[in-house]
């Protein structure tokens, strides 16, 4: 990854757009297009998404701990 993990988008903001109508197909019409993204820092600073940011943090800690228990990573890997 070339993007700093604290800058990497973890939340996509989307807009609802109506489709062309039942039984009709139209490319580029309707759906949920992305209108913006938020990094983990932006998520934690935003009261609307802060709970989600804390859930991501808790999950990351659980993953790192399980990798440490399995001997896949060490404290030196984290602090290094």
Protein backbone atom coordinates (compact mmCIF):
# COMPACT_ATOMS: atom_id res chain seq x y z
CA UNK A 1 0.00 0.00 0.00
CA UNK A 2 1.33 3.39 -0.91
CA UNK A 3 -1.36 5.28 0.99
CA UNK A 4 -0.77 6.09 4.66
CA UNK A 5 -3.25 3.85 6.56
CA UNK A 6 -4.59 6.86 8.48
CA UNK A 7 -5.52 8.46 5.13
CA UNK A 8 -7.00 5.31 3.57
CA UNK A 9 -10.79 5.58 3.07
CA UNK A 10 -12.74 3.33 5.44
CA UNK A 11 -16.22 4.78 4.85
CA UNK A 12 -17.87 5.51 1.52
CA UNK A 13 -20.61 8.13 1.40
CA UNK A 14 -23.25 7.31 -1.22
CA UNK A 15 -26.25 8.99 -2.76
CA UNK A 16 -29.48 7.27 -3.76
CA UNK A 17 -30.40 7.88 -7.39
CA UNK A 18 -33.63 6.70 -8.98
CA UNK A 19 -33.38 4.17 -11.75
CA UNK A 20 -34.93 4.37 -15.22
CA UNK A 21 -38.06 2.51 -14.10
CA UNK A 22 -39.20 -1.07 -13.76
CA UNK A 23 -38.35 -3.20 -16.75
CA UNK A 24 -36.07 -0.59 -18.28
CA UNK A 25 -32.31 -0.61 -18.38
CA UNK A 26 -30.11 2.40 -18.63
CA UNK A 27 -26.38 2.58 -18.12
CA UNK A 28 -25.30 5.21 -15.62
CA UNK A 29 -28.79 5.66 -14.24
CA UNK A 30 -29.85 4.95 -10.70
CA UNK A 31 -27.93 3.08 -8.06
CA UNK A 32 -25.75 4.19 -5.19
CA UNK A 33 -22.83 6.23 -6.58
CA UNK A 34 -20.01 7.19 -4.21
CA UNK A 35 -20.15 10.89 -3.35
CA UNK A 36 -17.25 10.96 -0.90
CA UNK A 37 -15.04 8.97 1.43
CA UNK A 38 -13.82 9.33 5.02
CA UNK A 39 -10.50 8.18 6.48
CA UNK A 40 -10.37 6.59 9.94
CA UNK A 41 -9.23 9.93 11.39
CA UNK A 42 -12.20 11.72 9.78
CA UNK A 43 -14.56 8.97 10.97
CA UNK A 44 -13.38 9.31 14.56
CA UNK A 45 -13.70 13.12 14.43
CA UNK A 46 -17.26 12.95 13.07
CA UNK A 47 -19.88 12.34 15.82
CA UNK A 48 -22.18 10.64 13.29
CA UNK A 49 -19.56 7.95 12.52
CA UNK A 50 -17.43 7.87 15.72
CA UNK A 51 -19.05 4.64 16.98
CA UNK A 52 -18.18 2.92 13.72
CA UNK A 53 -14.59 4.18 14.02
CA UNK A 54 -14.32 2.70 17.51
CA UNK A 55 -15.71 -0.62 16.26
CA UNK A 56 -13.05 -0.69 13.54
CA UNK A 57 -10.38 0.03 16.17
CA UNK A 58 -11.65 -2.75 18.47
CA UNK A 59 -11.70 -5.22 15.57
CA UNK A 60 -8.17 -4.26 14.53
CA UNK A 61 -6.93 -4.81 18.10
CA UNK A 62 -8.64 -8.22 18.21
CA UNK A 63 -6.99 -9.21 14.91
CA UNK A 64 -3.52 -8.08 16.06
CA UNK A 65 -3.89 -9.94 19.36
CA UNK A 66 -4.94 -13.14 17.60
CA UNK A 67 -1.96 -12.85 15.21
CA UNK A 68 0.33 -12.36 18.21
CA UNK A 69 -1.10 -15.42 19.98
CA UNK A 70 -0.57 -17.44 16.80
CA UNK A 71 3.04 -16.21 16.56
CA UNK A 72 2.47 -14.51 13.20
CA UNK A 73 3.50 -11.07 14.42
CA UNK A 74 5.48 -9.89 17.45
CA UNK A 75 5.67 -6.74 19.54
CA UNK A 76 8.82 -5.84 17.57
CA UNK A 77 6.79 -5.98 14.34
CA UNK A 78 4.30 -3.49 15.77
CA UNK A 79 6.77 -1.14 17.44
CA UNK A 80 9.48 -1.49 14.82
